[in-house]
mmCIF file of all heavy atoms, coordinates in Angstrom:
data_MODEL
# 
_entry.id   MODEL 
# 
loop_
_atom_site.group_PDB 
_atom_site.id 
_atom_site.type_symbol 
_atom_site.label_atom_id 
_atom_site.label_alt_id 
_atom_site.label_comp_id 
_atom_site.label_asym_id 
_atom_site.label_entity_id 
_atom_site.label_seq_id 
_atom_site.pdbx_PDB_ins_code 
_atom_site.Cartn_x 
_atom_site.Cartn_y 
_atom_site.Cartn_z 
_atom_site.occupancy 
_atom_site.B_iso_or_equiv 
_atom_site.pdbx_formal_charge 
_atom_site.auth_seq_id 
_atom_site.auth_comp_id 
_atom_site.auth_asym_id 
_atom_site.auth_atom_id 
_atom_site.pdbx_PDB_model_num 
ATOM 1   N N   . LEU A 1 1  ? 7.653  -25.905 -0.236  1.00 0.00 ? 1  LEU A N   1 
ATOM 2   C CA  . LEU A 1 1  ? 7.667  -26.979 -1.246  1.00 0.00 ? 1  LEU A CA  1 
ATOM 3   C C   . LEU A 1 1  ? 6.522  -26.856 -2.249  1.00 0.00 ? 1  LEU A C   1 
ATOM 4   O O   . LEU A 1 1  ? 5.393  -26.701 -1.781  1.00 0.00 ? 1  LEU A O   1 
ATOM 5   C CB  . LEU A 1 1  ? 7.653  -28.332 -0.551  1.00 0.00 ? 1  LEU A CB  1 
ATOM 6   C CG  . LEU A 1 1  ? 7.544  -29.565 -1.446  1.00 0.00 ? 1  LEU A CG  1 
ATOM 7   C CD1 . LEU A 1 1  ? 8.800  -29.698 -2.346  1.00 0.00 ? 1  LEU A CD1 1 
ATOM 8   C CD2 . LEU A 1 1  ? 7.366  -30.820 -0.623  1.00 0.00 ? 1  LEU A CD2 1 
ATOM 9   N N   . VAL A 1 2  ? 6.835  -26.869 -3.440  1.00 0.00 ? 2  VAL A N   1 
ATOM 10  C CA  . VAL A 1 2  ? 5.805  -26.705 -4.479  1.00 0.00 ? 2  VAL A CA  1 
ATOM 11  C C   . VAL A 1 2  ? 6.127  -27.649 -5.665  1.00 0.00 ? 2  VAL A C   1 
ATOM 12  O O   . VAL A 1 2  ? 7.300  -27.870 -5.973  1.00 0.00 ? 2  VAL A O   1 
ATOM 13  C CB  . VAL A 1 2  ? 5.644  -25.230 -4.953  1.00 0.00 ? 2  VAL A CB  1 
ATOM 14  C CG1 . VAL A 1 2  ? 6.943  -24.712 -5.599  1.00 0.00 ? 2  VAL A CG1 1 
ATOM 15  C CG2 . VAL A 1 2  ? 4.470  -24.994 -5.876  1.00 0.00 ? 2  VAL A CG2 1 
ATOM 16  N N   . GLN A 1 3  ? 5.123  -28.068 -6.374  1.00 0.00 ? 3  GLN A N   1 
ATOM 17  C CA  . GLN A 1 3  ? 5.346  -28.973 -7.503  1.00 0.00 ? 3  GLN A CA  1 
ATOM 18  C C   . GLN A 1 3  ? 5.710  -28.124 -8.760  1.00 0.00 ? 3  GLN A C   1 
ATOM 19  O O   . GLN A 1 3  ? 5.407  -26.943 -8.826  1.00 0.00 ? 3  GLN A O   1 
ATOM 20  C CB  . GLN A 1 3  ? 4.041  -29.723 -7.849  1.00 0.00 ? 3  GLN A CB  1 
ATOM 21  C CG  . GLN A 1 3  ? 3.733  -30.779 -6.809  1.00 0.00 ? 3  GLN A CG  1 
ATOM 22  C CD  . GLN A 1 3  ? 2.551  -31.654 -7.212  1.00 0.00 ? 3  GLN A CD  1 
ATOM 23  O OE1 . GLN A 1 3  ? 1.790  -31.356 -8.085  1.00 0.00 ? 3  GLN A OE1 1 
ATOM 24  N NE2 . GLN A 1 3  ? 2.436  -32.789 -6.557  1.00 0.00 ? 3  GLN A NE2 1 
ATOM 25  N N   . PRO A 1 4  ? 6.456  -28.752 -9.671  1.00 0.00 ? 4  PRO A N   1 
ATOM 26  C CA  . PRO A 1 4  ? 6.755  -28.014 -10.931 1.00 0.00 ? 4  PRO A CA  1 
ATOM 27  C C   . PRO A 1 4  ? 5.495  -27.487 -11.590 1.00 0.00 ? 4  PRO A C   1 
ATOM 28  O O   . PRO A 1 4  ? 4.470  -28.162 -11.617 1.00 0.00 ? 4  PRO A O   1 
ATOM 29  C CB  . PRO A 1 4  ? 7.397  -29.062 -11.760 1.00 0.00 ? 4  PRO A CB  1 
ATOM 30  C CG  . PRO A 1 4  ? 8.023  -30.022 -10.784 1.00 0.00 ? 4  PRO A CG  1 
ATOM 31  C CD  . PRO A 1 4  ? 7.011  -30.049 -9.640  1.00 0.00 ? 4  PRO A CD  1 
ATOM 32  N N   . GLY A 1 5  ? 5.596  -26.215 -12.047 1.00 0.00 ? 5  GLY A N   1 
ATOM 33  C CA  . GLY A 1 5  ? 4.452  -25.553 -12.587 1.00 0.00 ? 5  GLY A CA  1 
ATOM 34  C C   . GLY A 1 5  ? 3.611  -24.775 -11.608 1.00 0.00 ? 5  GLY A C   1 
ATOM 35  O O   . GLY A 1 5  ? 2.776  -23.998 -11.981 1.00 0.00 ? 5  GLY A O   1 
ATOM 36  N N   . GLY A 1 6  ? 3.929  -24.910 -10.323 1.00 0.00 ? 6  GLY A N   1 
ATOM 37  C CA  . GLY A 1 6  ? 3.165  -24.201 -9.295  1.00 0.00 ? 6  GLY A CA  1 
ATOM 38  C C   . GLY A 1 6  ? 3.679  -22.822 -9.064  1.00 0.00 ? 6  GLY A C   1 
ATOM 39  O O   . GLY A 1 6  ? 4.588  -22.327 -9.761  1.00 0.00 ? 6  GLY A O   1 
ATOM 40  N N   . SER A 1 7  ? 3.149  -22.163 -8.066  1.00 0.00 ? 7  SER A N   1 
ATOM 41  C CA  . SER A 1 7  ? 3.380  -20.781 -7.759  1.00 0.00 ? 7  SER A CA  1 
ATOM 42  C C   . SER A 1 7  ? 3.680  -20.617 -6.254  1.00 0.00 ? 7  SER A C   1 
ATOM 43  O O   . SER A 1 7  ? 3.144  -21.324 -5.417  1.00 0.00 ? 7  SER A O   1 
ATOM 44  C CB  . SER A 1 7  ? 2.238  -19.842 -8.195  1.00 0.00 ? 7  SER A CB  1 
ATOM 45  O OG  . SER A 1 7  ? 1.988  -19.975 -9.548  1.00 0.00 ? 7  SER A OG  1 
ATOM 46  N N   . LEU A 1 8  ? 4.469  -19.558 -5.973  1.00 0.00 ? 8  LEU A N   1 
ATOM 47  C CA  . LEU A 1 8  ? 4.711  -19.122 -4.622  1.00 0.00 ? 8  LEU A CA  1 
ATOM 48  C C   . LEU A 1 8  ? 4.868  -17.661 -4.640  1.00 0.00 ? 8  LEU A C   1 
ATOM 49  O O   . LEU A 1 8  ? 5.271  -17.065 -5.613  1.00 0.00 ? 8  LEU A O   1 
ATOM 50  C CB  . LEU A 1 8  ? 5.944  -19.737 -4.016  1.00 0.00 ? 8  LEU A CB  1 
ATOM 51  C CG  . LEU A 1 8  ? 5.950  -21.219 -3.508  1.00 0.00 ? 8  LEU A CG  1 
ATOM 52  C CD1 . LEU A 1 8  ? 7.436  -21.655 -3.171  1.00 0.00 ? 8  LEU A CD1 1 
ATOM 53  C CD2 . LEU A 1 8  ? 5.017  -21.397 -2.340  1.00 0.00 ? 8  LEU A CD2 1 
ATOM 54  N N   . ARG A 1 9  ? 4.518  -16.994 -3.518  1.00 0.00 ? 9  ARG A N   1 
ATOM 55  C CA  . ARG A 1 9  ? 4.789  -15.557 -3.352  1.00 0.00 ? 9  ARG A CA  1 
ATOM 56  C C   . ARG A 1 9  ? 5.711  -15.337 -2.113  1.00 0.00 ? 9  ARG A C   1 
ATOM 57  O O   . ARG A 1 9  ? 5.321  -15.697 -1.018  1.00 0.00 ? 9  ARG A O   1 
ATOM 58  C CB  . ARG A 1 9  ? 3.499  -14.745 -3.244  1.00 0.00 ? 9  ARG A CB  1 
ATOM 59  C CG  . ARG A 1 9  ? 3.837  -13.240 -3.315  1.00 0.00 ? 9  ARG A CG  1 
ATOM 60  C CD  . ARG A 1 9  ? 2.576  -12.423 -3.279  1.00 0.00 ? 9  ARG A CD  1 
ATOM 61  N NE  . ARG A 1 9  ? 2.024  -12.239 -1.942  1.00 0.00 ? 9  ARG A NE  1 
ATOM 62  C CZ  . ARG A 1 9  ? 1.282  -11.220 -1.586  1.00 0.00 ? 9  ARG A CZ  1 
ATOM 63  N NH1 . ARG A 1 9  ? 0.928  -10.290 -2.457  1.00 0.00 ? 9  ARG A NH1 1 
ATOM 64  N NH2 . ARG A 1 9  ? 0.786  -11.146 -0.370  1.00 0.00 ? 9  ARG A NH2 1 
ATOM 65  N N   . LEU A 1 10 ? 6.868  -14.792 -2.363  1.00 0.00 ? 10 LEU A N   1 
ATOM 66  C CA  . LEU A 1 10 ? 7.781  -14.506 -1.296  1.00 0.00 ? 10 LEU A CA  1 
ATOM 67  C C   . LEU A 1 10 ? 7.549  -13.030 -0.847  1.00 0.00 ? 10 LEU A C   1 
ATOM 68  O O   . LEU A 1 10 ? 7.257  -12.152 -1.674  1.00 0.00 ? 10 LEU A O   1 
ATOM 69  C CB  . LEU A 1 10 ? 9.233  -14.643 -1.705  1.00 0.00 ? 10 LEU A CB  1 
ATOM 70  C CG  . LEU A 1 10 ? 9.591  -15.991 -2.259  1.00 0.00 ? 10 LEU A CG  1 
ATOM 71  C CD1 . LEU A 1 10 ? 11.143 -16.038 -2.605  1.00 0.00 ? 10 LEU A CD1 1 
ATOM 72  C CD2 . LEU A 1 10 ? 9.219  -17.122 -1.363  1.00 0.00 ? 10 LEU A CD2 1 
ATOM 73  N N   . SER A 1 11 ? 7.760  -12.805 0.449   1.00 0.00 ? 11 SER A N   1 
ATOM 74  C CA  . SER A 1 11 ? 7.632  -11.451 0.949   1.00 0.00 ? 11 SER A CA  1 
ATOM 75  C C   . SER A 1 11 ? 8.955  -11.051 1.689   1.00 0.00 ? 11 SER A C   1 
ATOM 76  O O   . SER A 1 11 ? 9.583  -11.960 2.303   1.00 0.00 ? 11 SER A O   1 
ATOM 77  C CB  . SER A 1 11 ? 6.529  -11.351 1.992   1.00 0.00 ? 11 SER A CB  1 
ATOM 78  O OG  . SER A 1 11 ? 5.253  -11.668 1.431   1.00 0.00 ? 11 SER A OG  1 
ATOM 79  N N   . CYS A 1 12 ? 9.307  -9.799  1.632   1.00 0.00 ? 12 CYS A N   1 
ATOM 80  C CA  . CYS A 1 12 ? 10.484 -9.261  2.376   1.00 0.00 ? 12 CYS A CA  1 
ATOM 81  C C   . CYS A 1 12 ? 9.913  -8.027  3.058   1.00 0.00 ? 12 CYS A C   1 
ATOM 82  O O   . CYS A 1 12 ? 9.590  -7.046  2.465   1.00 0.00 ? 12 CYS A O   1 
ATOM 83  C CB  . CYS A 1 12 ? 11.565 -8.922  1.368   1.00 0.00 ? 12 CYS A CB  1 
ATOM 84  S SG  . CYS A 1 12 ? 12.926 -8.046  2.160   1.00 0.00 ? 12 CYS A SG  1 
ATOM 85  N N   . ALA A 1 13 ? 9.884  -8.098  4.369   1.00 0.00 ? 13 ALA A N   1 
ATOM 86  C CA  . ALA A 1 13 ? 9.382  -7.043  5.243   1.00 0.00 ? 13 ALA A CA  1 
ATOM 87  C C   . ALA A 1 13 ? 10.515 -6.270  5.843   1.00 0.00 ? 13 ALA A C   1 
ATOM 88  O O   . ALA A 1 13 ? 11.500 -6.850  6.365   1.00 0.00 ? 13 ALA A O   1 
ATOM 89  C CB  . ALA A 1 13 ? 8.482  -7.628  6.363   1.00 0.00 ? 13 ALA A CB  1 
ATOM 90  N N   . GLY A 1 14 ? 10.434 -4.937  5.721   1.00 0.00 ? 14 GLY A N   1 
ATOM 91  C CA  . GLY A 1 14 ? 11.405 -4.074  6.337   1.00 0.00 ? 14 GLY A CA  1 
ATOM 92  C C   . GLY A 1 14 ? 10.731 -2.927  7.033   1.00 0.00 ? 14 GLY A C   1 
ATOM 93  O O   . GLY A 1 14 ? 9.626  -2.563  6.743   1.00 0.00 ? 14 GLY A O   1 
ATOM 94  N N   . ALA A 1 15 ? 11.430 -2.352  8.018   1.00 0.00 ? 15 ALA A N   1 
ATOM 95  C CA  . ALA A 1 15 ? 10.831 -1.326  8.863   1.00 0.00 ? 15 ALA A CA  1 
ATOM 96  C C   . ALA A 1 15 ? 11.118 0.070   8.347   1.00 0.00 ? 15 ALA A C   1 
ATOM 97  O O   . ALA A 1 15 ? 12.025 0.237   7.531   1.00 0.00 ? 15 ALA A O   1 
ATOM 98  C CB  . ALA A 1 15 ? 11.365 -1.376  10.287  1.00 0.00 ? 15 ALA A CB  1 
ATOM 99  N N   . GLY A 1 16 ? 10.306 0.965   8.646   1.00 0.00 ? 16 GLY A N   1 
ATOM 100 C CA  . GLY A 1 16 ? 10.543 2.351   8.356   1.00 0.00 ? 16 GLY A CA  1 
ATOM 101 C C   . GLY A 1 16 ? 10.464 2.774   6.917   1.00 0.00 ? 16 GLY A C   1 
ATOM 102 O O   . GLY A 1 16 ? 11.112 3.757   6.472   1.00 0.00 ? 16 GLY A O   1 
ATOM 103 N N   . SER A 1 17 ? 9.647  2.078   6.112   1.00 0.00 ? 17 SER A N   1 
ATOM 104 C CA  . SER A 1 17 ? 9.502  2.359   4.722   1.00 0.00 ? 17 SER A CA  1 
ATOM 105 C C   . SER A 1 17 ? 10.817 2.490   3.996   1.00 0.00 ? 17 SER A C   1 
ATOM 106 O O   . SER A 1 17 ? 10.960 3.281   3.100   1.00 0.00 ? 17 SER A O   1 
ATOM 107 C CB  . SER A 1 17 ? 8.719  3.700   4.561   1.00 0.00 ? 17 SER A CB  1 
ATOM 108 O OG  . SER A 1 17 ? 7.484  3.685   5.113   1.00 0.00 ? 17 SER A OG  1 
ATOM 109 N N   . ILE A 1 18 ? 11.721 1.581   4.382   1.00 0.00 ? 18 ILE A N   1 
ATOM 110 C CA  . ILE A 1 18 ? 13.045 1.580   3.775   1.00 0.00 ? 18 ILE A CA  1 
ATOM 111 C C   . ILE A 1 18 ? 13.036 1.433   2.312   1.00 0.00 ? 18 ILE A C   1 
ATOM 112 O O   . ILE A 1 18 ? 13.876 2.038   1.600   1.00 0.00 ? 18 ILE A O   1 
ATOM 113 C CB  . ILE A 1 18 ? 13.942 0.471   4.417   1.00 0.00 ? 18 ILE A CB  1 
ATOM 114 C CG1 . ILE A 1 18 ? 15.377 0.626   3.912   1.00 0.00 ? 18 ILE A CG1 1 
ATOM 115 C CG2 . ILE A 1 18 ? 13.374 -0.896  4.097   1.00 0.00 ? 18 ILE A CG2 1 
ATOM 116 C CD1 . ILE A 1 18 ? 16.320 -0.253  4.691   1.00 0.00 ? 18 ILE A CD1 1 
ATOM 117 N N   . PHE A 1 19 ? 12.072 0.700   1.731   1.00 0.00 ? 19 PHE A N   1 
ATOM 118 C CA  . PHE A 1 19 ? 12.053 0.486   0.296   1.00 0.00 ? 19 PHE A CA  1 
ATOM 119 C C   . PHE A 1 19 ? 11.695 1.680   -0.481  1.00 0.00 ? 19 PHE A C   1 
ATOM 120 O O   . PHE A 1 19 ? 11.844 1.694   -1.699  1.00 0.00 ? 19 PHE A O   1 
ATOM 121 C CB  . PHE A 1 19 ? 11.050 -0.741  0.015   1.00 0.00 ? 19 PHE A CB  1 
ATOM 122 C CG  . PHE A 1 19 ? 11.372 -1.910  0.804   1.00 0.00 ? 19 PHE A CG  1 
ATOM 123 C CD1 . PHE A 1 19 ? 10.364 -2.508  1.635   1.00 0.00 ? 19 PHE A CD1 1 
ATOM 124 C CD2 . PHE A 1 19 ? 12.547 -2.577  0.660   1.00 0.00 ? 19 PHE A CD2 1 
ATOM 125 C CE1 . PHE A 1 19 ? 10.631 -3.651  2.330   1.00 0.00 ? 19 PHE A CE1 1 
ATOM 126 C CE2 . PHE A 1 19 ? 12.831 -3.716  1.413   1.00 0.00 ? 19 PHE A CE2 1 
ATOM 127 C CZ  . PHE A 1 19 ? 11.827 -4.219  2.197   1.00 0.00 ? 19 PHE A CZ  1 
ATOM 128 N N   . ARG A 1 20 ? 11.189 2.673   0.223   1.00 0.00 ? 20 ARG A N   1 
ATOM 129 C CA  . ARG A 1 20 ? 10.913 3.966   -0.481  1.00 0.00 ? 20 ARG A CA  1 
ATOM 130 C C   . ARG A 1 20 ? 12.134 4.638   -0.971  1.00 0.00 ? 20 ARG A C   1 
ATOM 131 O O   . ARG A 1 20 ? 12.169 5.361   -1.926  1.00 0.00 ? 20 ARG A O   1 
ATOM 132 C CB  . ARG A 1 20 ? 10.115 4.882   0.406   1.00 0.00 ? 20 ARG A CB  1 
ATOM 133 C CG  . ARG A 1 20 ? 9.823  6.261   -0.100  1.00 0.00 ? 20 ARG A CG  1 
ATOM 134 C CD  . ARG A 1 20 ? 9.161  7.152   0.933   1.00 0.00 ? 20 ARG A CD  1 
ATOM 135 N NE  . ARG A 1 20 ? 7.860  6.613   1.390   1.00 0.00 ? 20 ARG A NE  1 
ATOM 136 C CZ  . ARG A 1 20 ? 7.146  7.111   2.345   1.00 0.00 ? 20 ARG A CZ  1 
ATOM 137 N NH1 . ARG A 1 20 ? 7.608  8.131   2.988   1.00 0.00 ? 20 ARG A NH1 1 
ATOM 138 N NH2 . ARG A 1 20 ? 5.998  6.568   2.679   1.00 0.00 ? 20 ARG A NH2 1 
ATOM 139 N N   . PHE A 1 21 ? 13.220 4.416   -0.237  1.00 0.00 ? 21 PHE A N   1 
ATOM 140 C CA  . PHE A 1 21 ? 14.401 5.230   -0.490  1.00 0.00 ? 21 PHE A CA  1 
ATOM 141 C C   . PHE A 1 21 ? 15.503 4.488   -1.186  1.00 0.00 ? 21 PHE A C   1 
ATOM 142 O O   . PHE A 1 21 ? 16.406 5.115   -1.777  1.00 0.00 ? 21 PHE A O   1 
ATOM 143 C CB  . PHE A 1 21 ? 15.007 5.745   0.858   1.00 0.00 ? 21 PHE A CB  1 
ATOM 144 C CG  . PHE A 1 21 ? 14.032 6.531   1.639   1.00 0.00 ? 21 PHE A CG  1 
ATOM 145 C CD1 . PHE A 1 21 ? 13.442 6.055   2.779   1.00 0.00 ? 21 PHE A CD1 1 
ATOM 146 C CD2 . PHE A 1 21 ? 13.725 7.783   1.241   1.00 0.00 ? 21 PHE A CD2 1 
ATOM 147 C CE1 . PHE A 1 21 ? 12.601 6.812   3.521   1.00 0.00 ? 21 PHE A CE1 1 
ATOM 148 C CE2 . PHE A 1 21 ? 12.805 8.589   1.972   1.00 0.00 ? 21 PHE A CE2 1 
ATOM 149 C CZ  . PHE A 1 21 ? 12.215 8.098   3.108   1.00 0.00 ? 21 PHE A CZ  1 
ATOM 150 N N   . TYR A 1 22 ? 15.461 3.127   -1.166  1.00 0.00 ? 22 TYR A N   1 
ATOM 151 C CA  . TYR A 1 22 ? 16.561 2.361   -1.742  1.00 0.00 ? 22 TYR A CA  1 
ATOM 152 C C   . TYR A 1 22 ? 16.057 1.267   -2.649  1.00 0.00 ? 22 TYR A C   1 
ATOM 153 O O   . TYR A 1 22 ? 14.959 0.790   -2.559  1.00 0.00 ? 22 TYR A O   1 
ATOM 154 C CB  . TYR A 1 22 ? 17.406 1.725   -0.556  1.00 0.00 ? 22 TYR A CB  1 
ATOM 155 C CG  . TYR A 1 22 ? 17.898 2.704   0.439   1.00 0.00 ? 22 TYR A CG  1 
ATOM 156 C CD1 . TYR A 1 22 ? 17.457 2.618   1.758   1.00 0.00 ? 22 TYR A CD1 1 
ATOM 157 C CD2 . TYR A 1 22 ? 18.792 3.664   0.096   1.00 0.00 ? 22 TYR A CD2 1 
ATOM 158 C CE1 . TYR A 1 22 ? 17.931 3.560   2.683   1.00 0.00 ? 22 TYR A CE1 1 
ATOM 159 C CE2 . TYR A 1 22 ? 19.282 4.574   0.965   1.00 0.00 ? 22 TYR A CE2 1 
ATOM 160 C CZ  . TYR A 1 22 ? 18.843 4.471   2.305   1.00 0.00 ? 22 TYR A CZ  1 
ATOM 161 O OH  . TYR A 1 22 ? 19.239 5.427   3.235   1.00 0.00 ? 22 TYR A OH  1 
ATOM 162 N N   . SER A 1 23 ? 16.976 0.845   -3.504  1.00 0.00 ? 23 SER A N   1 
ATOM 163 C CA  . SER A 1 23 ? 16.674 -0.287  -4.387  1.00 0.00 ? 23 SER A CA  1 
ATOM 164 C C   . SER A 1 23 ? 16.676 -1.592  -3.609  1.00 0.00 ? 23 SER A C   1 
ATOM 165 O O   . SER A 1 23 ? 17.432 -1.701  -2.648  1.00 0.00 ? 23 SER A O   1 
ATOM 166 C CB  . SER A 1 23 ? 17.690 -0.358  -5.557  1.00 0.00 ? 23 SER A CB  1 
ATOM 167 O OG  . SER A 1 23 ? 17.609 0.767   -6.388  1.00 0.00 ? 23 SER A OG  1 
ATOM 168 N N   . THR A 1 24 ? 15.833 -2.514  -3.995  1.00 0.00 ? 24 THR A N   1 
ATOM 169 C CA  . THR A 1 24 ? 15.695 -3.752  -3.332  1.00 0.00 ? 24 THR A CA  1 
ATOM 170 C C   . THR A 1 24 ? 15.821 -4.940  -4.387  1.00 0.00 ? 24 THR A C   1 
ATOM 171 O O   . THR A 1 24 ? 15.351 -4.691  -5.582  1.00 0.00 ? 24 THR A O   1 
ATOM 172 C CB  . THR A 1 24 ? 14.319 -3.936  -2.629  1.00 0.00 ? 24 THR A CB  1 
ATOM 173 O OG1 . THR A 1 24 ? 14.138 -2.832  -1.772  1.00 0.00 ? 24 THR A OG1 1 
ATOM 174 C CG2 . THR A 1 24 ? 14.225 -5.198  -1.845  1.00 0.00 ? 24 THR A CG2 1 
ATOM 175 N N   . ALA A 1 25 ? 16.372 -6.002  -4.016  1.00 0.00 ? 25 ALA A N   1 
ATOM 176 C CA  . ALA A 1 25 ? 16.516 -7.096  -4.998  1.00 0.00 ? 25 ALA A CA  1 
ATOM 177 C C   . ALA A 1 25 ? 16.366 -8.462  -4.303  1.00 0.00 ? 25 ALA A C   1 
ATOM 178 O O   . ALA A 1 25 ? 16.510 -8.563  -3.067  1.00 0.00 ? 25 ALA A O   1 
ATOM 179 C CB  . ALA A 1 25 ? 17.893 -7.049  -5.600  1.00 0.00 ? 25 ALA A CB  1 
ATOM 180 N N   . TRP A 1 26 ? 15.962 -9.385  -5.095  1.00 0.00 ? 26 TRP A N   1 
ATOM 181 C CA  . TRP A 1 26 ? 15.933 -10.809 -4.650  1.00 0.00 ? 26 TRP A CA  1 
ATOM 182 C C   . TRP A 1 26 ? 17.102 -11.557 -5.321  1.00 0.00 ? 26 TRP A C   1 
ATOM 183 O O   . TRP A 1 26 ? 17.299 -11.388 -6.473  1.00 0.00 ? 26 TRP A O   1 
ATOM 184 C CB  . TRP A 1 26 ? 14.597 -11.441 -5.094  1.00 0.00 ? 26 TRP A CB  1 
ATOM 185 C CG  . TRP A 1 26 ? 13.447 -11.054 -4.247  1.00 0.00 ? 26 TRP A CG  1 
ATOM 186 C CD1 . TRP A 1 26 ? 12.583 -10.054 -4.508  1.00 0.00 ? 26 TRP A CD1 1 
ATOM 187 C CD2 . TRP A 1 26 ? 12.994 -11.585 -2.996  1.00 0.00 ? 26 TRP A CD2 1 
ATOM 188 N NE1 . TRP A 1 26 ? 11.604 -9.959  -3.544  1.00 0.00 ? 26 TRP A NE1 1 
ATOM 189 C CE2 . TRP A 1 26 ? 11.881 -10.881 -2.600  1.00 0.00 ? 26 TRP A CE2 1 
ATOM 190 C CE3 . TRP A 1 26 ? 13.499 -12.615 -2.195  1.00 0.00 ? 26 TRP A CE3 1 
ATOM 191 C CZ2 . TRP A 1 26 ? 11.202 -11.153 -1.404  1.00 0.00 ? 26 TRP A CZ2 1 
ATOM 192 C CZ3 . TRP A 1 26 ? 12.843 -12.835 -0.999  1.00 0.00 ? 26 TRP A CZ3 1 
ATOM 193 C CH2 . TRP A 1 26 ? 11.703 -12.170 -0.610  1.00 0.00 ? 26 TRP A CH2 1 
# 
């Protein structure tokens, strides 16, 4: 929960360096 104007950082963790080989999206 954050107020308008605030910030958050989301993380997506995957194993085996998967992001090296494939596109990722939110």
